[in-house]
mmCIF file of all heavy atoms, coordinates in Angstrom:
data_MODEL
# 
_entry.id   MODEL 
# 
loop_
_atom_site.group_PDB 
_atom_site.id 
_atom_site.type_symbol 
_atom_site.label_atom_id 
_atom_site.label_alt_id 
_atom_site.label_comp_id 
_atom_site.label_asym_id 
_atom_site.label_entity_id 
_atom_site.label_seq_id 
_atom_site.pdbx_PDB_ins_code 
_atom_site.Cartn_x 
_atom_site.Cartn_y 
_atom_site.Cartn_z 
_atom_site.occupancy 
_atom_site.B_iso_or_equiv 
_atom_site.pdbx_formal_charge 
_atom_site.auth_seq_id 
_atom_site.auth_comp_id 
_atom_site.auth_asym_id 
_atom_site.auth_atom_id 
_atom_site.pdbx_PDB_model_num 
ATOM 1   N N   . SER A 1 1  ? 18.787 15.154 -1.883  1.00 0.00 ? 1  SER A N   1 
ATOM 2   C CA  . SER A 1 1  ? 18.971 16.492 -2.466  1.00 0.00 ? 1  SER A CA  1 
ATOM 3   C C   . SER A 1 1  ? 20.109 16.488 -3.485  1.00 0.00 ? 1  SER A C   1 
ATOM 4   O O   . SER A 1 1  ? 20.033 17.169 -4.515  1.00 0.00 ? 1  SER A O   1 
ATOM 5   C CB  . SER A 1 1  ? 19.256 17.514 -1.361  1.00 0.00 ? 1  SER A CB  1 
ATOM 6   O OG  . SER A 1 1  ? 18.146 17.627 -0.496  1.00 0.00 ? 1  SER A OG  1 
ATOM 7   N N   . SER A 1 2  ? 21.162 15.720 -3.178  1.00 0.00 ? 2  SER A N   1 
ATOM 8   C CA  . SER A 1 2  ? 22.255 15.595 -4.154  1.00 0.00 ? 2  SER A CA  1 
ATOM 9   C C   . SER A 1 2  ? 21.750 14.999 -5.456  1.00 0.00 ? 2  SER A C   1 
ATOM 10  O O   . SER A 1 2  ? 22.128 15.442 -6.552  1.00 0.00 ? 2  SER A O   1 
ATOM 11  C CB  . SER A 1 2  ? 23.374 14.707 -3.593  1.00 0.00 ? 2  SER A CB  1 
ATOM 12  O OG  . SER A 1 2  ? 24.006 15.310 -2.491  1.00 0.00 ? 2  SER A OG  1 
ATOM 13  N N   . ALA A 1 3  ? 20.907 13.979 -5.335  1.00 0.00 ? 3  ALA A N   1 
ATOM 14  C CA  . ALA A 1 3  ? 20.389 13.321 -6.534  1.00 0.00 ? 3  ALA A CA  1 
ATOM 15  C C   . ALA A 1 3  ? 19.554 14.292 -7.375  1.00 0.00 ? 3  ALA A C   1 
ATOM 16  O O   . ALA A 1 3  ? 19.662 14.305 -8.614  1.00 0.00 ? 3  ALA A O   1 
ATOM 17  C CB  . ALA A 1 3  ? 19.555 12.112 -6.132  1.00 0.00 ? 3  ALA A CB  1 
ATOM 18  N N   . ILE A 1 4  ? 18.710 15.098 -6.709  1.00 0.00 ? 4  ILE A N   1 
ATOM 19  C CA  . ILE A 1 4  ? 17.906 16.074 -7.455  1.00 0.00 ? 4  ILE A CA  1 
ATOM 20  C C   . ILE A 1 4  ? 18.794 17.100 -8.144  1.00 0.00 ? 4  ILE A C   1 
ATOM 21  O O   . ILE A 1 4  ? 18.590 17.444 -9.317  1.00 0.00 ? 4  ILE A O   1 
ATOM 22  C CB  . ILE A 1 4  ? 16.899 16.760 -6.502  1.00 0.00 ? 4  ILE A CB  1 
ATOM 23  C CG1 . ILE A 1 4  ? 15.831 15.762 -6.033  1.00 0.00 ? 4  ILE A CG1 1 
ATOM 24  C CG2 . ILE A 1 4  ? 16.250 17.966 -7.176  1.00 0.00 ? 4  ILE A CG2 1 
ATOM 25  C CD1 . ILE A 1 4  ? 14.854 16.327 -5.022  1.00 0.00 ? 4  ILE A CD1 1 
ATOM 26  N N   . TRP A 1 5  ? 19.808 17.588 -7.428  1.00 0.00 ? 5  TRP A N   1 
ATOM 27  C CA  . TRP A 1 5  ? 20.725 18.588 -8.000  1.00 0.00 ? 5  TRP A CA  1 
ATOM 28  C C   . TRP A 1 5  ? 21.478 18.003 -9.195  1.00 0.00 ? 5  TRP A C   1 
ATOM 29  O O   . TRP A 1 5  ? 21.590 18.641 -10.248 1.00 0.00 ? 5  TRP A O   1 
ATOM 30  C CB  . TRP A 1 5  ? 21.702 19.042 -6.921  1.00 0.00 ? 5  TRP A CB  1 
ATOM 31  C CG  . TRP A 1 5  ? 22.549 20.216 -7.321  1.00 0.00 ? 5  TRP A CG  1 
ATOM 32  C CD1 . TRP A 1 5  ? 22.264 21.544 -7.149  1.00 0.00 ? 5  TRP A CD1 1 
ATOM 33  C CD2 . TRP A 1 5  ? 23.829 20.163 -7.973  1.00 0.00 ? 5  TRP A CD2 1 
ATOM 34  N NE1 . TRP A 1 5  ? 23.276 22.324 -7.635  1.00 0.00 ? 5  TRP A NE1 1 
ATOM 35  C CE2 . TRP A 1 5  ? 24.257 21.509 -8.153  1.00 0.00 ? 5  TRP A CE2 1 
ATOM 36  C CE3 . TRP A 1 5  ? 24.651 19.130 -8.414  1.00 0.00 ? 5  TRP A CE3 1 
ATOM 37  C CZ2 . TRP A 1 5  ? 25.466 21.814 -8.763  1.00 0.00 ? 5  TRP A CZ2 1 
ATOM 38  C CZ3 . TRP A 1 5  ? 25.852 19.434 -9.022  1.00 0.00 ? 5  TRP A CZ3 1 
ATOM 39  C CH2 . TRP A 1 5  ? 26.263 20.756 -9.187  1.00 0.00 ? 5  TRP A CH2 1 
ATOM 40  N N   . ILE A 1 6  ? 21.995 16.788 -9.036  1.00 0.00 ? 6  ILE A N   1 
ATOM 41  C CA  . ILE A 1 6  ? 22.739 16.132 -10.118 1.00 0.00 ? 6  ILE A CA  1 
ATOM 42  C C   . ILE A 1 6  ? 21.820 15.860 -11.305 1.00 0.00 ? 6  ILE A C   1 
ATOM 43  O O   . ILE A 1 6  ? 22.197 16.046 -12.474 1.00 0.00 ? 6  ILE A O   1 
ATOM 44  C CB  . ILE A 1 6  ? 23.381 14.824 -9.612  1.00 0.00 ? 6  ILE A CB  1 
ATOM 45  C CG1 . ILE A 1 6  ? 24.516 15.146 -8.640  1.00 0.00 ? 6  ILE A CG1 1 
ATOM 46  C CG2 . ILE A 1 6  ? 23.901 13.970 -10.764 1.00 0.00 ? 6  ILE A CG2 1 
ATOM 47  C CD1 . ILE A 1 6  ? 25.072 13.935 -7.925  1.00 0.00 ? 6  ILE A CD1 1 
ATOM 48  N N   . ASP A 1 7  ? 20.600 15.410 -11.025 1.00 0.00 ? 7  ASP A N   1 
ATOM 49  C CA  . ASP A 1 7  ? 19.658 15.106 -12.099 1.00 0.00 ? 7  ASP A CA  1 
ATOM 50  C C   . ASP A 1 7  ? 19.333 16.353 -12.907 1.00 0.00 ? 7  ASP A C   1 
ATOM 51  O O   . ASP A 1 7  ? 19.143 16.283 -14.128 1.00 0.00 ? 7  ASP A O   1 
ATOM 52  C CB  . ASP A 1 7  ? 18.382 14.526 -11.486 1.00 0.00 ? 7  ASP A CB  1 
ATOM 53  C CG  . ASP A 1 7  ? 17.412 14.014 -12.534 1.00 0.00 ? 7  ASP A CG  1 
ATOM 54  O OD1 . ASP A 1 7  ? 17.769 13.042 -13.240 1.00 0.00 ? 7  ASP A OD1 1 
ATOM 55  O OD2 . ASP A 1 7  ? 16.307 14.566 -12.648 1.00 0.00 ? 7  ASP A OD2 1 
ATOM 56  N N   . LYS A 1 8  ? 19.299 17.488 -12.227 1.00 0.00 ? 8  LYS A N   1 
ATOM 57  C CA  . LYS A 1 8  ? 18.930 18.739 -12.899 1.00 0.00 ? 8  LYS A CA  1 
ATOM 58  C C   . LYS A 1 8  ? 20.101 19.384 -13.636 1.00 0.00 ? 8  LYS A C   1 
ATOM 59  O O   . LYS A 1 8  ? 19.934 19.878 -14.759 1.00 0.00 ? 8  LYS A O   1 
ATOM 60  C CB  . LYS A 1 8  ? 18.356 19.715 -11.858 1.00 0.00 ? 8  LYS A CB  1 
ATOM 61  C CG  . LYS A 1 8  ? 17.858 21.030 -12.440 1.00 0.00 ? 8  LYS A CG  1 
ATOM 62  C CD  . LYS A 1 8  ? 17.238 21.899 -11.353 1.00 0.00 ? 8  LYS A CD  1 
ATOM 63  C CE  . LYS A 1 8  ? 16.726 23.214 -11.934 1.00 0.00 ? 8  LYS A CE  1 
ATOM 64  N NZ  . LYS A 1 8  ? 16.111 24.091 -10.887 1.00 0.00 ? 8  LYS A NZ  1 
ATOM 65  N N   . PHE A 1 9  ? 21.296 19.361 -13.021 1.00 0.00 ? 9  PHE A N   1 
ATOM 66  C CA  . PHE A 1 9  ? 22.411 20.126 -13.573 1.00 0.00 ? 9  PHE A CA  1 
ATOM 67  C C   . PHE A 1 9  ? 23.487 19.273 -14.246 1.00 0.00 ? 9  PHE A C   1 
ATOM 68  O O   . PHE A 1 9  ? 24.309 19.809 -14.993 1.00 0.00 ? 9  PHE A O   1 
ATOM 69  C CB  . PHE A 1 9  ? 23.062 20.966 -12.466 1.00 0.00 ? 9  PHE A CB  1 
ATOM 70  C CG  . PHE A 1 9  ? 22.156 22.018 -11.896 1.00 0.00 ? 9  PHE A CG  1 
ATOM 71  C CD1 . PHE A 1 9  ? 21.589 21.865 -10.643 1.00 0.00 ? 9  PHE A CD1 1 
ATOM 72  C CD2 . PHE A 1 9  ? 21.848 23.160 -12.622 1.00 0.00 ? 9  PHE A CD2 1 
ATOM 73  C CE1 . PHE A 1 9  ? 20.759 22.830 -10.111 1.00 0.00 ? 9  PHE A CE1 1 
ATOM 74  C CE2 . PHE A 1 9  ? 21.015 24.137 -12.099 1.00 0.00 ? 9  PHE A CE2 1 
ATOM 75  C CZ  . PHE A 1 9  ? 20.460 23.973 -10.840 1.00 0.00 ? 9  PHE A CZ  1 
ATOM 76  N N   . GLU A 1 10 ? 23.527 17.983 -14.015 1.00 0.00 ? 10 GLU A N   1 
ATOM 77  C CA  . GLU A 1 10 ? 24.587 17.159 -14.590 1.00 0.00 ? 10 GLU A CA  1 
ATOM 78  C C   . GLU A 1 10 ? 24.062 15.959 -15.384 1.00 0.00 ? 10 GLU A C   1 
ATOM 79  O O   . GLU A 1 10 ? 24.578 15.636 -16.455 1.00 0.00 ? 10 GLU A O   1 
ATOM 80  C CB  . GLU A 1 10 ? 25.537 16.650 -13.485 1.00 0.00 ? 10 GLU A CB  1 
ATOM 81  C CG  . GLU A 1 10 ? 26.317 17.755 -12.808 1.00 0.00 ? 10 GLU A CG  1 
ATOM 82  C CD  . GLU A 1 10 ? 27.335 17.203 -11.810 1.00 0.00 ? 10 GLU A CD  1 
ATOM 83  O OE1 . GLU A 1 10 ? 27.531 15.966 -11.778 1.00 0.00 ? 10 GLU A OE1 1 
ATOM 84  O OE2 . GLU A 1 10 ? 27.940 18.002 -11.067 1.00 0.00 ? 10 GLU A OE2 1 
ATOM 85  N N   . ALA A 1 11 ? 23.044 15.284 -14.853 1.00 0.00 ? 11 ALA A N   1 
ATOM 86  C CA  . ALA A 1 11 ? 22.593 14.038 -15.475 1.00 0.00 ? 11 ALA A CA  1 
ATOM 87  C C   . ALA A 1 11 ? 21.536 14.254 -16.546 1.00 0.00 ? 11 ALA A C   1 
ATOM 88  O O   . ALA A 1 11 ? 21.162 13.288 -17.233 1.00 0.00 ? 11 ALA A O   1 
ATOM 89  C CB  . ALA A 1 11 ? 22.058 13.086 -14.405 1.00 0.00 ? 11 ALA A CB  1 
ATOM 90  N N   . ASP A 1 12 ? 21.046 15.476 -16.672 1.00 0.00 ? 12 ASP A N   1 
ATOM 91  C CA  . ASP A 1 12 ? 20.051 15.793 -17.696 1.00 0.00 ? 12 ASP A CA  1 
ATOM 92  C C   . ASP A 1 12 ? 18.841 14.860 -17.612 1.00 0.00 ? 12 ASP A C   1 
ATOM 93  O O   . ASP A 1 12 ? 18.351 14.353 -18.625 1.00 0.00 ? 12 ASP A O   1 
ATOM 94  C CB  . ASP A 1 12 ? 20.684 15.712 -19.091 1.00 0.00 ? 12 ASP A CB  1 
ATOM 95  C CG  . ASP A 1 12 ? 19.810 16.380 -20.157 1.00 0.00 ? 12 ASP A CG  1 
ATOM 96  O OD1 . ASP A 1 12 ? 19.006 17.272 -19.785 1.00 0.00 ? 12 ASP A OD1 1 
ATOM 97  O OD2 . ASP A 1 12 ? 19.913 15.991 -21.326 1.00 0.00 ? 12 ASP A OD2 1 
ATOM 98  N N   . GLY A 1 13 ? 18.372 14.599 -16.365 1.00 0.00 ? 13 GLY A N   1 
ATOM 99  C CA  . GLY A 1 13 ? 17.167 13.791 -16.165 1.00 0.00 ? 13 GLY A CA  1 
ATOM 100 C C   . GLY A 1 13 ? 17.385 12.293 -16.163 1.00 0.00 ? 13 GLY A C   1 
ATOM 101 O O   . GLY A 1 13 ? 16.419 11.523 -16.058 1.00 0.00 ? 13 GLY A O   1 
ATOM 102 N N   . ALA A 1 14 ? 18.640 11.835 -16.245 1.00 0.00 ? 14 ALA A N   1 
ATOM 103 C CA  . ALA A 1 14 ? 18.912 10.389 -16.322 1.00 0.00 ? 14 ALA A CA  1 
ATOM 104 C C   . ALA A 1 14 ? 18.524 9.668  -15.033 1.00 0.00 ? 14 ALA A C   1 
ATOM 105 O O   . ALA A 1 14 ? 18.031 8.531  -15.070 1.00 0.00 ? 14 ALA A O   1 
ATOM 106 C CB  . ALA A 1 14 ? 20.388 10.151 -16.631 1.00 0.00 ? 14 ALA A CB  1 
ATOM 107 N N   . LEU A 1 15 ? 18.770 10.298 -13.879 1.00 0.00 ? 15 LEU A N   1 
ATOM 108 C CA  . LEU A 1 15 ? 18.412 9.657  -12.610 1.00 0.00 ? 15 LEU A CA  1 
ATOM 109 C C   . LEU A 1 15 ? 16.896 9.596  -12.441 1.00 0.00 ? 15 LEU A C   1 
ATOM 110 O O   . LEU A 1 15 ? 16.352 8.586  -11.966 1.00 0.00 ? 15 LEU A O   1 
ATOM 111 C CB  . LEU A 1 15 ? 19.048 10.410 -11.437 1.00 0.00 ? 15 LEU A CB  1 
ATOM 112 C CG  . LEU A 1 15 ? 20.573 10.363 -11.332 1.00 0.00 ? 15 LEU A CG  1 
ATOM 113 C CD1 . LEU A 1 15 ? 21.052 11.188 -10.133 1.00 0.00 ? 15 LEU A CD1 1 
ATOM 114 C CD2 . LEU A 1 15 ? 21.065 8.923  -11.199 1.00 0.00 ? 15 LEU A CD2 1 
ATOM 115 N N   . GLY A 1 16 ? 16.215 10.664 -12.815 1.00 0.00 ? 16 GLY A N   1 
ATOM 116 C CA  . GLY A 1 16 ? 14.760 10.680 -12.707 1.00 0.00 ? 16 GLY A CA  1 
ATOM 117 C C   . GLY A 1 16 ? 14.102 9.631  -13.577 1.00 0.00 ? 16 GLY A C   1 
ATOM 118 O O   . GLY A 1 16 ? 13.031 9.109  -13.240 1.00 0.00 ? 16 GLY A O   1 
ATOM 119 N N   . ALA A 1 17 ? 14.747 9.296  -14.670 1.00 0.00 ? 17 ALA A N   1 
ATOM 120 C CA  . ALA A 1 17 ? 14.191 8.293  -15.570 1.00 0.00 ? 17 ALA A CA  1 
ATOM 121 C C   . ALA A 1 17 ? 14.297 6.881  -15.017 1.00 0.00 ? 17 ALA A C   1 
ATOM 122 O O   . ALA A 1 17 ? 13.685 5.956  -15.553 1.00 0.00 ? 17 ALA A O   1 
ATOM 123 C CB  . ALA A 1 17 ? 14.893 8.368  -16.925 1.00 0.00 ? 17 ALA A CB  1 
ATOM 124 N N   . MET A 1 18 ? 15.072 6.719  -13.944 1.00 0.00 ? 18 MET A N   1 
ATOM 125 C CA  . MET A 1 18 ? 15.307 5.379  -13.393 1.00 0.00 ? 18 MET A CA  1 
ATOM 126 C C   . MET A 1 18 ? 14.573 5.145  -12.077 1.00 0.00 ? 18 MET A C   1 
ATOM 127 O O   . MET A 1 18 ? 14.866 4.173  -11.372 1.00 0.00 ? 18 MET A O   1 
ATOM 128 C CB  . MET A 1 18 ? 16.811 5.163  -13.162 1.00 0.00 ? 18 MET A CB  1 
ATOM 129 C CG  . MET A 1 18 ? 17.647 5.232  -14.430 1.00 0.00 ? 18 MET A CG  1 
ATOM 130 S SD  . MET A 1 18 ? 19.373 4.891  -14.084 1.00 0.00 ? 18 MET A SD  1 
ATOM 131 C CE  . MET A 1 18 ? 19.270 3.191  -13.565 1.00 0.00 ? 18 MET A CE  1 
ATOM 132 N N   . VAL A 1 19 ? 13.610 5.991  -11.731 1.00 0.00 ? 19 VAL A N   1 
ATOM 133 C CA  . VAL A 1 19 ? 12.948 5.863  -10.427 1.00 0.00 ? 19 VAL A CA  1 
ATOM 134 C C   . VAL A 1 19 ? 12.160 4.566  -10.300 1.00 0.00 ? 19 VAL A C   1 
ATOM 135 O O   . VAL A 1 19 ? 11.880 4.109  -9.186  1.00 0.00 ? 19 VAL A O   1 
ATOM 136 C CB  . VAL A 1 19 ? 12.019 7.068  -10.156 1.00 0.00 ? 19 VAL A CB  1 
ATOM 137 C CG1 . VAL A 1 19 ? 12.815 8.340  -10.002 1.00 0.00 ? 19 VAL A CG1 1 
ATOM 138 C CG2 . VAL A 1 19 ? 10.962 7.200  -11.266 1.00 0.00 ? 19 VAL A CG2 1 
ATOM 139 N N   . ASN A 1 20 ? 11.814 3.952  -11.418 1.00 0.00 ? 20 ASN A N   1 
ATOM 140 C CA  . ASN A 1 20 ? 11.093 2.679  -11.357 1.00 0.00 ? 20 ASN A CA  1 
ATOM 141 C C   . ASN A 1 20 ? 12.029 1.484  -11.243 1.00 0.00 ? 20 ASN A C   1 
ATOM 142 O O   . ASN A 1 20 ? 11.566 0.345  -11.255 1.00 0.00 ? 20 ASN A O   1 
ATOM 143 C CB  . ASN A 1 20 ? 10.199 2.529  -12.598 1.00 0.00 ? 20 ASN A CB  1 
ATOM 144 C CG  . ASN A 1 20 ? 9.070  3.543  -12.625 1.00 0.00 ? 20 ASN A CG  1 
ATOM 145 O OD1 . ASN A 1 20 ? 8.518  3.901  -11.587 1.00 0.00 ? 20 ASN A OD1 1 
ATOM 146 N ND2 . ASN A 1 20 ? 8.733  4.028  -13.816 1.00 0.00 ? 20 ASN A ND2 1 
ATOM 147 N N   . ASN A 1 21 ? 13.314 1.752  -11.154 1.00 0.00 ? 21 ASN A N   1 
ATOM 148 C CA  . ASN A 1 21 ? 14.306 0.689  -10.984 1.00 0.00 ? 21 ASN A CA  1 
ATOM 149 C C   . ASN A 1 21 ? 15.199 1.028  -9.790  1.00 0.00 ? 21 ASN A C   1 
ATOM 150 O O   . ASN A 1 21 ? 16.393 1.274  -9.944  1.00 0.00 ? 21 ASN A O   1 
ATOM 151 C CB  . ASN A 1 21 ? 15.138 0.537  -12.258 1.00 0.00 ? 21 ASN A CB  1 
ATOM 152 C CG  . ASN A 1 21 ? 15.964 -0.738 -12.249 1.00 0.00 ? 21 ASN A CG  1 
ATOM 153 O OD1 . ASN A 1 21 ? 15.844 -1.568 -11.338 1.00 0.00 ? 21 ASN A OD1 1 
ATOM 154 N ND2 . ASN A 1 21 ? 16.821 -0.897 -13.248 1.00 0.00 ? 21 ASN A ND2 1 
ATOM 155 N N   . PRO A 1 22 ? 14.610 1.066  -8.577  1.00 0.00 ? 22 PRO A N   1 
ATOM 156 C CA  . PRO A 1 22 ? 15.361 1.541  -7.404  1.00 0.00 ? 22 PRO A CA  1 
ATOM 157 C C   . PRO A 1 22 ? 16.505 0.624  -6.988  1.00 0.00 ? 22 PRO A C   1 
ATOM 158 O O   . PRO A 1 22 ? 17.397 1.058  -6.254  1.00 0.00 ? 22 PRO A O   1 
ATOM 159 C CB  . PRO A 1 22 ? 14.292 1.605  -6.310  1.00 0.00 ? 22 PRO A CB  1 
ATOM 160 C CG  . PRO A 1 22 ? 13.258 0.611  -6.729  1.00 0.00 ? 22 PRO A CG  1 
ATOM 161 C CD  . PRO A 1 22 ? 13.239 0.659  -8.221  1.00 0.00 ? 22 PRO A CD  1 
ATOM 162 N N   . ASP A 1 23 ? 16.519 -0.630 -7.449  1.00 0.00 ? 23 ASP A N   1 
ATOM 163 C CA  . ASP A 1 23 ? 17.573 -1.557 -7.048  1.00 0.00 ? 23 ASP A CA  1 
ATOM 164 C C   . ASP A 1 23 ? 18.955 -1.051 -7.445  1.00 0.00 ? 23 ASP A C   1 
ATOM 165 O O   . ASP A 1 23 ? 19.936 -1.260 -6.719  1.00 0.00 ? 23 ASP A O   1 
ATOM 166 C CB  . ASP A 1 23 ? 17.345 -2.937 -7.677  1.00 0.00 ? 23 ASP A CB  1 
ATOM 167 C CG  . ASP A 1 23 ? 16.099 -3.615 -7.129  1.00 0.00 ? 23 ASP A CG  1 
ATOM 168 O OD1 . ASP A 1 23 ? 15.637 -3.193 -6.050  1.00 0.00 ? 23 ASP A OD1 1 
ATOM 169 O OD2 . ASP A 1 23 ? 15.596 -4.543 -7.775  1.00 0.00 ? 23 ASP A OD2 1 
ATOM 170 N N   . ILE A 1 24 ? 19.053 -0.378 -8.603  1.00 0.00 ? 24 ILE A N   1 
ATOM 171 C CA  . ILE A 1 24 ? 20.365 0.056  -9.082  1.00 0.00 ? 24 ILE A CA  1 
ATOM 172 C C   . ILE A 1 24 ? 20.527 1.572  -9.087  1.00 0.00 ? 24 ILE A C   1 
ATOM 173 O O   . ILE A 1 24 ? 21.573 2.083  -9.461  1.00 0.00 ? 24 ILE A O   1 
ATOM 174 C CB  . ILE A 1 24 ? 20.647 -0.490 -10.501 1.00 0.00 ? 24 ILE A CB  1 
ATOM 175 C CG1 . ILE A 1 24 ? 19.621 0.066  -11.501 1.00 0.00 ? 24 ILE A CG1 1 
ATOM 176 C CG2 . ILE A 1 24 ? 20.625 -2.018 -10.499 1.00 0.00 ? 24 ILE A CG2 1 
ATOM 177 C CD1 . ILE A 1 24 ? 19.955 -0.286 -12.939 1.00 0.00 ? 24 ILE A CD1 1 
ATOM 178 N N   . LEU A 1 25 ? 19.474 2.296  -8.673  1.00 0.00 ? 25 LEU A N   1 
ATOM 179 C CA  . LEU A 1 25 ? 19.522 3.760  -8.736  1.00 0.00 ? 25 LEU A CA  1 
ATOM 180 C C   . LEU A 1 25 ? 20.653 4.331  -7.890  1.00 0.00 ? 25 LEU A C   1 
ATOM 181 O O   . LEU A 1 25 ? 21.330 5.282  -8.296  1.00 0.00 ? 25 LEU A O   1 
ATOM 182 C CB  . LEU A 1 25 ? 18.175 4.339  -8.303  1.00 0.00 ? 25 LEU A CB  1 
ATOM 183 C CG  . LEU A 1 25 ? 18.015 5.868  -8.415  1.00 0.00 ? 25 LEU A CG  1 
ATOM 184 C CD1 . LEU A 1 25 ? 18.318 6.341  -9.828  1.00 0.00 ? 25 LEU A CD1 1 
ATOM 185 C CD2 . LEU A 1 25 ? 16.602 6.284  -8.010  1.00 0.00 ? 25 LEU A CD2 1 
# 
């Protein structure tokens, strides 16, 4: 839930763009 909140309000979708690289997410 933290990741979704951060992706929406702070990261501007940067975390969501890395879902295909879970090793470093």
